[in-house]
Amino acid sequence: MESNKQQFQAKTVTLGISGASGAQYGLRLLSCLLAADCKVYLLLSRAAEVVIATETNIVLPPSGQENSLQQQQDFLSELYGAKEGQLTLFSREDWFSPVASGSSSPASMVICPASGGTLSSIASGASNNLIERAADVALKERRQLIVVPRETPYSEVHLENMLKLTKMGVVVLPASPGFYAKADTVEDLIDFIVARILDQLDLPQDLMPRWGES
């Protein structure tokens, strides 16, 4: 049991939060990864900051100002109880960050939520920001990449991009919560998806029982 705990403490995950609706999924996942003693490299798009401000009561320190990146990192670390050095927030064009190179990027990356534009950029190999570059690195290094699209309805472009990514080995995990667990709250529906992501990452979770478990 102790060896498993050490393994989880050593796991590092890149978490990208893009500008699709559903910021709650990404933020809940962040809190769960930190609670599981994972080290997290966090990437926020500009649109994600707007969505967080629109969909949640979280007020991030404004970006684009002196020391704003450090302020956001400190704010999220305190909000979710991160240990010292457990959470690192990188700027959108930090090409010298570990996630920008295959020699040091983590074995797992999750983009939650993933906007249609982000799906398109990854599928076409664009690297216009650090989220896209980190995903490109995960693909070229044959590492685990999970994308959580939150859009409805899907256009033909969305479907083609998701099929293309699936053929590349990406796990496409739409934010489509099941109702068989008889959720009582919106938070329960969020936890349903976050639990499935944690399962894919092979991390322990007690948010939602697996099918057939009591």
C-alpha atoms as a PDB file:
ATOM      1  CA  MET A   1       0.000   0.000   0.000  1.00  0.00           C
ATOM      2  CA  GLU A   2       2.812   2.344   0.878  1.00  0.00           C
ATOM      3  CA  SER A   3       4.501   1.749  -2.484  1.00  0.00           C
ATOM      4  CA  ASN A   4       1.312   2.748  -4.301  1.00  0.00           C
ATOM      5  CA  LYS A   5       1.147   5.935  -2.274  1.00  0.00           C
ATOM      6  CA  GLN A   6       4.713   6.790  -3.243  1.00  0.00           C
ATOM      7  CA  GLN A   7       3.887   6.089  -6.880  1.00  0.00           C
ATOM      8  CA  PHE A   8       0.975   8.525  -6.810  1.00  0.00           C
ATOM      9  CA  GLN A   9       3.104  11.142  -5.074  1.00  0.00           C
ATOM     10  CA  ALA A  10       5.630  10.864  -7.893  1.00  0.00           C
ATOM     11  CA  LYS A  11       3.074  11.231 -10.708  1.00  0.00           C
ATOM     12  CA  THR A  12       3.193  14.481 -12.650  1.00  0.00           C
ATOM     13  CA  VAL A  13       0.272  15.577 -14.828  1.00  0.00           C
ATOM     14  CA  THR A  14      -0.013  18.466 -17.265  1.00  0.00           C
ATOM     15  CA  LEU A  15      -3.471  20.045 -17.028  1.00  0.00           C
ATOM     16  CA  GLY A  16      -4.598  22.438 -19.726  1.00  0.00           C
ATOM     17  CA  ILE A  17      -7.805  24.426 -19.267  1.00  0.00           C
ATOM     18  CA  SER A  18      -9.013  26.018 -22.493  1.00  0.00           C
ATOM     19  CA  GLY A  19     -11.888  28.374 -23.178  1.00  0.00           C
ATOM     20  CA  ALA A  20     -14.777  25.960 -23.618  1.00  0.00           C
ATOM     21  CA  SER A  21     -17.711  26.144 -21.251  1.00  0.00           C
ATOM     22  CA  GLY A  22     -17.213  23.794 -18.327  1.00  0.00           C
ATOM     23  CA  ALA A  23     -14.381  25.396 -16.393  1.00  0.00           C
ATOM     24  CA  GLN A  24     -15.800  23.626 -13.330  1.00  0.00           C
ATOM     25  CA  TYR A  25     -14.617  20.293 -14.748  1.00  0.00           C
ATOM     26  CA  GLY A  26     -11.028  21.489 -15.049  1.00  0.00           C
ATOM     27  CA  LEU A  27     -10.956  23.163 -11.653  1.00  0.00           C
ATOM     28  CA  ARG A  28     -12.475  20.134  -9.919  1.00  0.00           C
ATOM     29  CA  LEU A  29      -9.926  17.922 -11.652  1.00  0.00           C
ATOM     30  CA  LEU A  30      -7.150  20.239 -10.469  1.00  0.00           C
ATOM     31  CA  SER A  31      -8.315  19.920  -6.865  1.00  0.00           C
ATOM     32  CA  CYS A  32      -8.499  16.121  -7.149  1.00  0.00           C
ATOM     33  CA  LEU A  33      -5.047  15.804  -8.707  1.00  0.00           C
ATOM     34  CA  LEU A  34      -3.555  17.878  -5.902  1.00  0.00           C
ATOM     35  CA  ALA A  35      -5.436  15.850  -3.294  1.00  0.00           C
ATOM     36  CA  ALA A  36      -3.980  12.685  -4.876  1.00  0.00           C
ATOM     37  CA  ASP A  37      -0.476  14.094  -4.280  1.00  0.00           C
ATOM     38  CA  CYS A  38       0.183  14.598  -7.971  1.00  0.00           C
ATOM     39  CA  LYS A  39       2.492  17.320  -9.135  1.00  0.00           C
ATOM     40  CA  VAL A  40       0.557  19.492 -11.583  1.00  0.00           C
ATOM     41  CA  TYR A  41       1.774  21.674 -14.428  1.00  0.00           C
ATOM     42  CA  LEU A  42      -1.147  24.013 -15.096  1.00  0.00           C
ATOM     43  CA  LEU A  43      -1.773  25.841 -18.380  1.00  0.00           C
ATOM     44  CA  LEU A  44      -4.606  28.383 -18.676  1.00  0.00           C
ATOM     45  CA  SER A  45      -5.677  29.946 -21.949  1.00  0.00           C
ATOM     46  CA  ARG A  46      -6.851  33.564 -22.044  1.00  0.00           C
ATOM     47  CA  ALA A  47     -10.347  32.384 -22.883  1.00  0.00           C
ATOM     48  CA  ALA A  48     -10.239  30.006 -19.907  1.00  0.00           C
ATOM     49  CA  GLU A  49      -9.723  32.944 -17.572  1.00  0.00           C
ATOM     50  CA  VAL A  50     -12.808  34.596 -19.066  1.00  0.00           C
ATOM     51  CA  VAL A  51     -14.872  31.418 -18.693  1.00  0.00           C
ATOM     52  CA  ILE A  52     -13.733  30.921 -15.085  1.00  0.00           C
ATOM     53  CA  ALA A  53     -14.814  34.466 -14.287  1.00  0.00           C
ATOM     54  CA  THR A  54     -18.148  33.915 -16.056  1.00  0.00           C
ATOM     55  CA  GLU A  55     -19.093  30.442 -14.830  1.00  0.00           C
ATOM     56  CA  THR A  56     -17.688  30.350 -11.302  1.00  0.00           C
ATOM     57  CA  ASN A  57     -17.328  32.529  -8.231  1.00  0.00           C
ATOM     58  CA  ILE A  58     -13.541  32.272  -8.426  1.00  0.00           C
ATOM     59  CA  VAL A  59     -11.819  35.601  -8.982  1.00  0.00           C
ATOM     60  CA  LEU A  60      -8.342  34.981 -10.342  1.00  0.00           C
ATOM     61  CA  PRO A  61      -5.752  37.754 -10.067  1.00  0.00           C
ATOM     62  CA  PRO A  62      -5.819  39.516 -13.459  1.00  0.00           C
ATOM     63  CA  SER A  63      -3.208  38.335 -15.954  1.00  0.00           C
ATOM     64  CA  GLY A  64      -0.940  40.530 -18.015  1.00  0.00           C
ATOM     65  CA  GLN A  65       0.385  42.475 -15.056  1.00  0.00           C
ATOM     66  CA  GLU A  66       3.693  42.260 -13.222  1.00  0.00           C
ATOM     67  CA  ASN A  67       3.924  39.090 -11.117  1.00  0.00           C
ATOM     68  CA  SER A  68       0.377  38.106 -12.186  1.00  0.00           C
ATOM     69  CA  LEU A  69       1.431  34.542 -13.031  1.00  0.00           C
ATOM     70  CA  GLN A  70       2.909  34.025  -9.579  1.00  0.00           C
ATOM     71  CA  GLN A  71      -0.156  35.611  -7.990  1.00  0.00           C
ATOM     72  CA  GLN A  72      -2.480  33.243  -9.866  1.00  0.00           C
ATOM     73  CA  GLN A  73      -0.336  30.263  -8.883  1.00  0.00           C
ATOM     74  CA  ASP A  74      -0.309  31.307  -5.236  1.00  0.00           C
ATOM     75  CA  PHE A  75      -4.060  31.940  -5.301  1.00  0.00           C
ATOM     76  CA  LEU A  76      -4.884  28.503  -6.751  1.00  0.00           C
ATOM     77  CA  SER A  77      -2.373  26.772  -4.483  1.00  0.00           C
ATOM     78  CA  GLU A  78      -4.031  28.263  -1.421  1.00  0.00           C
ATOM     79  CA  LEU A  79      -7.546  27.668  -2.757  1.00  0.00           C
ATOM     80  CA  TYR A  80      -6.944  23.953  -3.323  1.00  0.00           C
ATOM     81  CA  GLY A  81      -4.437  23.276  -0.552  1.00  0.00           C
ATOM     82  CA  ALA A  82      -1.432  22.525  -2.758  1.00  0.00           C
ATOM     83  CA  LYS A  83       1.807  21.680  -1.038  1.00  0.00           C
ATOM     84  CA  GLU A  84       4.867  23.800  -1.646  1.00  0.00           C
ATOM     85  CA  GLY A  85       6.111  23.182  -5.179  1.00  0.00           C
ATOM     86  CA  GLN A  86       3.182  20.911  -6.051  1.00  0.00           C
ATOM     87  CA  LEU A  87       1.469  23.303  -8.473  1.00  0.00           C
ATOM     88  CA  THR A  88       3.275  25.224 -11.203  1.00  0.00           C
ATOM     89  CA  LEU A  89       1.447  27.603 -13.524  1.00  0.00           C
ATOM     90  CA  PHE A  90       3.181  28.393 -16.808  1.00  0.00           C
ATOM     91  CA  SER A  91       2.548  31.358 -19.070  1.00  0.00           C
ATOM     92  CA  ARG A  92       0.966  30.817 -22.467  1.00  0.00           C
ATOM     93  CA  GLU A  93       4.247  31.341 -24.341  1.00  0.00           C
ATOM     94  CA  ASP A  94       6.764  29.805 -21.960  1.00  0.00           C
ATOM     95  CA  TRP A  95       8.628  27.746 -24.539  1.00  0.00           C
ATOM     96  CA  PHE A  96      11.308  26.907 -21.952  1.00  0.00           C
ATOM     97  CA  SER A  97       8.860  25.113 -19.642  1.00  0.00           C
ATOM     98  CA  PRO A  98       9.180  21.314 -19.168  1.00  0.00           C
ATOM     99  CA  VAL A  99       5.951  20.643 -21.060  1.00  0.00           C
ATOM    100  CA  ALA A 100       7.344  22.252 -24.223  1.00  0.00           C
ATOM    101  CA  SER A 101       9.942  19.533 -24.747  1.00  0.00           C
ATOM    102  CA  GLY A 102       9.754  15.785 -25.044  1.00  0.00           C
ATOM    103  CA  SER A 103      12.868  15.418 -22.926  1.00  0.00           C
ATOM    104  CA  SER A 104      11.098  16.502 -19.746  1.00  0.00           C
ATOM    105  CA  SER A 105       7.341  16.643 -20.294  1.00  0.00           C
ATOM    106  CA  PRO A 106       5.150  14.458 -18.034  1.00  0.00           C
ATOM    107  CA  ALA A 107       3.814  11.078 -19.121  1.00  0.00           C
ATOM    108  CA  SER A 108       0.188  12.289 -18.936  1.00  0.00           C
ATOM    109  CA  MET A 109      -1.660  15.384 -20.130  1.00  0.00           C
ATOM    110  CA  VAL A 110      -5.326  16.304 -19.815  1.00  0.00           C
ATOM    111  CA  ILE A 111      -7.083  19.195 -21.545  1.00  0.00           C
ATOM    112  CA  CYS A 112     -10.284  19.822 -19.621  1.00  0.00           C
ATOM    113  CA  PRO A 113     -12.372  21.343 -21.001  1.00  0.00           C
ATOM    114  CA  ALA A 114     -11.100  21.281 -24.576  1.00  0.00           C
ATOM    115  CA  SER A 115     -12.588  23.871 -26.911  1.00  0.00           C
ATOM    116  CA  GLY A 116     -13.326  23.133 -30.567  1.00  0.00           C
ATOM    117  CA  GLY A 117     -10.517  25.450 -31.543  1.00  0.00           C
ATOM    118  CA  THR A 118      -8.076  23.597 -29.317  1.00  0.00           C
ATOM    119  CA  LEU A 119      -9.119  20.258 -30.834  1.00  0.00           C
ATOM    120  CA  SER A 120      -8.575  21.689 -34.299  1.00  0.00           C
ATOM    121  CA  SER A 121      -5.141  23.083 -33.472  1.00  0.00           C
ATOM    122  CA  ILE A 122      -3.931  19.822 -31.931  1.00  0.00           C
ATOM    123  CA  ALA A 123      -5.307  17.719 -34.784  1.00  0.00           C
ATOM    124  CA  SER A 124      -3.537  19.914 -37.357  1.00  0.00           C
ATOM    125  CA  GLY A 125      -0.247  20.126 -35.454  1.00  0.00           C
ATOM    126  CA  ALA A 126      -0.440  23.837 -34.652  1.00  0.00           C
ATOM    127  CA  SER A 127       1.481  25.081 -31.639  1.00  0.00           C
ATOM    128  CA  ASN A 128       0.283  28.651 -31.224  1.00  0.00           C
ATOM    129  CA  ASN A 129       0.306  28.528 -27.425  1.00  0.00           C
ATOM    130  CA  LEU A 130       1.716  26.324 -24.696  1.00  0.00           C
ATOM    131  CA  ILE A 131      -1.393  24.131 -24.389  1.00  0.00           C
ATOM    132  CA  GLU A 132      -1.163  23.254 -28.071  1.00  0.00           C
ATOM    133  CA  ARG A 133       2.612  22.762 -27.926  1.00  0.00           C
ATOM    134  CA  ALA A 134       2.357  20.518 -24.856  1.00  0.00           C
ATOM    135  CA  ALA A 135      -0.277  18.407 -26.619  1.00  0.00           C
ATOM    136  CA  ASP A 136       1.910  18.234 -29.723  1.00  0.00           C
ATOM    137  CA  VAL A 137       4.778  16.987 -27.543  1.00  0.00           C
ATOM    138  CA  ALA A 138       2.523  14.338 -25.976  1.00  0.00           C
ATOM    139  CA  LEU A 139       1.559  13.118 -29.445  1.00  0.00           C
ATOM    140  CA  LYS A 140       5.054  12.972 -30.875  1.00  0.00           C
ATOM    141  CA  GLU A 141       6.406  11.232 -27.769  1.00  0.00           C
ATOM    142  CA  ARG A 142       3.494   8.732 -27.785  1.00  0.00           C
ATOM    143  CA  ARG A 143       2.433   9.771 -24.286  1.00  0.00           C
ATOM    144  CA  GLN A 144      -1.014   9.776 -22.707  1.00  0.00           C
ATOM    145  CA  LEU A 145      -3.228  12.624 -23.888  1.00  0.00           C
ATOM    146  CA  ILE A 146      -6.842  13.004 -22.742  1.00  0.00           C
ATOM    147  CA  VAL A 147      -9.103  15.682 -24.198  1.00  0.00           C
ATOM    148  CA  VAL A 148     -12.484  16.555 -22.711  1.00  0.00           C
ATOM    149  CA  PRO A 149     -14.562  18.390 -25.337  1.00  0.00           C
ATOM    150  CA  ARG A 150     -17.534  20.362 -24.027  1.00  0.00           C
ATOM    151  CA  GLU A 151     -19.631  21.429 -26.985  1.00  0.00           C
ATOM    152  CA  THR A 152     -23.084  20.705 -28.366  1.00  0.00           C
ATOM    153  CA  PRO A 153     -24.067  19.981 -31.011  1.00  0.00           C
ATOM    154  CA  TYR A 154     -20.876  18.806 -32.705  1.00  0.00           C
ATOM    155  CA  SER A 155     -20.186  20.012 -36.214  1.00  0.00           C
ATOM    156  CA  GLU A 156     -18.649  17.796 -38.871  1.00  0.00           C
ATOM    157  CA  VAL A 157     -15.355  19.597 -38.231  1.00  0.00           C
ATOM    158  CA  HIS A 158     -15.482  18.733 -34.514  1.00  0.00           C
ATOM    159  CA  LEU A 159     -16.252  15.088 -35.272  1.00  0.00           C
ATOM    160  CA  GLU A 160     -13.514  14.830 -37.886  1.00  0.00           C
ATOM    161  CA  ASN A 161     -10.973  16.310 -35.493  1.00  0.00           C
ATOM    162  CA  MET A 162     -12.002  13.973 -32.668  1.00  0.00           C
ATOM    163  CA  LEU A 163     -11.757  10.972 -35.018  1.00  0.00           C
ATOM    164  CA  LYS A 164      -8.344  12.137 -36.203  1.00  0.00           C
ATOM    165  CA  LEU A 165      -7.128  12.507 -32.614  1.00  0.00           C
ATOM    166  CA  THR A 166      -8.556   9.125 -31.644  1.00  0.00           C
ATOM    167  CA  LYS A 167      -6.609   7.495 -34.478  1.00  0.00           C
ATOM    168  CA  MET A 168      -3.472   9.149 -33.045  1.00  0.00           C
ATOM    169  CA  GLY A 169      -4.076   7.433 -29.711  1.00  0.00           C
ATOM    170  CA  VAL A 170      -5.725  10.337 -27.895  1.00  0.00           C
ATOM    171  CA  VAL A 171      -8.501   9.514 -25.436  1.00  0.00           C
ATOM    172  CA  VAL A 172     -11.513  11.660 -26.319  1.00  0.00           C
ATOM    173  CA  LEU A 173     -13.667  11.844 -23.202  1.00  0.00           C
ATOM    174  CA  PRO A 174     -16.632  14.154 -23.808  1.00  0.00           C
ATOM    175  CA  ALA A 175     -18.138  15.964 -20.838  1.00  0.00           C
ATOM    176  CA  SER A 176     -21.301  13.878 -21.039  1.00  0.00           C
ATOM    177  CA  PRO A 177     -22.153  12.749 -17.505  1.00  0.00           C
ATOM    178  CA  GLY A 178     -24.247   9.640 -16.996  1.00  0.00           C
ATOM    179  CA  PHE A 179     -27.416   9.729 -14.915  1.00  0.00           C
ATOM    180  CA  TYR A 180     -27.485   6.135 -13.666  1.00  0.00           C
ATOM    181  CA  ALA A 181     -25.680   7.276 -10.513  1.00  0.00           C
ATOM    182  CA  LYS A 182     -28.774   9.369  -9.691  1.00  0.00           C
ATOM    183  CA  ALA A 183     -26.929  12.628  -9.139  1.00  0.00           C
ATOM    184  CA  ASP A 184     -28.478  15.030  -6.651  1.00  0.00           C
ATOM    185  CA  THR A 185     -26.458  18.123  -7.533  1.00  0.00           C
ATOM    186  CA  VAL A 186     -24.571  19.753 -10.374  1.00  0.00           C
ATOM    187  CA  GLU A 187     -21.400  18.942  -8.440  1.00  0.00           C
ATOM    188  CA  ASP A 188     -22.279  15.235  -8.665  1.00  0.00           C
ATOM    189  CA  LEU A 189     -22.499  15.518 -12.464  1.00  0.00           C
ATOM    190  CA  ILE A 190     -19.111  17.246 -12.542  1.00  0.00           C
ATOM    191  CA  ASP A 191     -17.639  14.527 -10.338  1.00  0.00           C
ATOM    192  CA  PHE A 192     -18.925  11.863 -12.725  1.00  0.00           C
ATOM    193  CA  ILE A 193     -16.683  13.174 -15.499  1.00  0.00           C
ATOM    194  CA  VAL A 194     -13.740  13.930 -13.234  1.00  0.00           C
ATOM    195  CA  ALA A 195     -13.938  10.386 -11.866  1.00  0.00           C
ATOM    196  CA  ARG A 196     -13.709   8.965 -15.391  1.00  0.00           C
ATOM    197  CA  ILE A 197     -10.645  11.130 -16.065  1.00  0.00           C
ATOM    198  CA  LEU A 198      -8.971   9.940 -12.867  1.00  0.00           C
ATOM    199  CA  ASP A 199      -9.718   6.348 -13.893  1.00  0.00           C
ATOM    200  CA  GLN A 200      -7.977   6.963 -17.222  1.00  0.00           C
ATOM    201  CA  LEU A 201      -4.986   8.375 -15.332  1.00  0.00           C
ATOM    202  CA  ASP A 202      -4.952   5.253 -13.153  1.00  0.00           C
ATOM    203  CA  LEU A 203      -5.366   7.344 -10.022  1.00  0.00           C
ATOM    204  CA  PRO A 204      -7.502   6.277  -7.054  1.00  0.00           C
ATOM    205  CA  GLN A 205     -10.829   8.047  -6.725  1.00  0.00           C
ATOM    206  CA  ASP A 206     -13.923   7.757  -4.575  1.00  0.00           C
ATOM    207  CA  LEU A 207     -15.994  10.375  -6.391  1.00  0.00           C
ATOM    208  CA  MET A 208     -18.082   7.821  -8.242  1.00  0.00           C
ATOM    209  CA  PRO A 209     -18.276   4.024  -7.933  1.00  0.00           C
ATOM    210  CA  ARG A 210     -17.381   2.036 -11.034  1.00  0.00           C
ATOM    211  CA  TRP A 211     -20.138   0.065 -12.717  1.00  0.00           C
ATOM    212  CA  GLY A 212     -20.992  -2.995 -10.660  1.00  0.00           C
ATOM    213  CA  GLU A 213     -19.484  -1.584  -7.468  1.00  0.00           C
ATOM    214  CA  SER A 214     -21.747  -0.699  -4.585  1.00  0.00           C
END
